[in-house]
């Protein structure tokens, strides 16, 4: 197995994938302000690789982040 496969297995077994959309909204509000907390949202998606992942889309004039965890959603927000 590759290092990534082994790391994914360890992640799945020991660190749960958790994403609380309301917590993420509060995070965005603290970092970018109220205006942006209404325009950027995050929803949970299953992991394909076993590692944290995210995708970003424009949906109805808002930024939709699909992420495996709150950490992945925060990483996507930072990238954006």
Foldseek 3Di string as FASTA:
>chain_A
DDPLLVVLVCCVVPPAQAADFVVLLVVCCVVPNDVQSVQETEDEDDDPSSDKDWDWDQDPNGIYIYIRHSVSSVVVVVVD
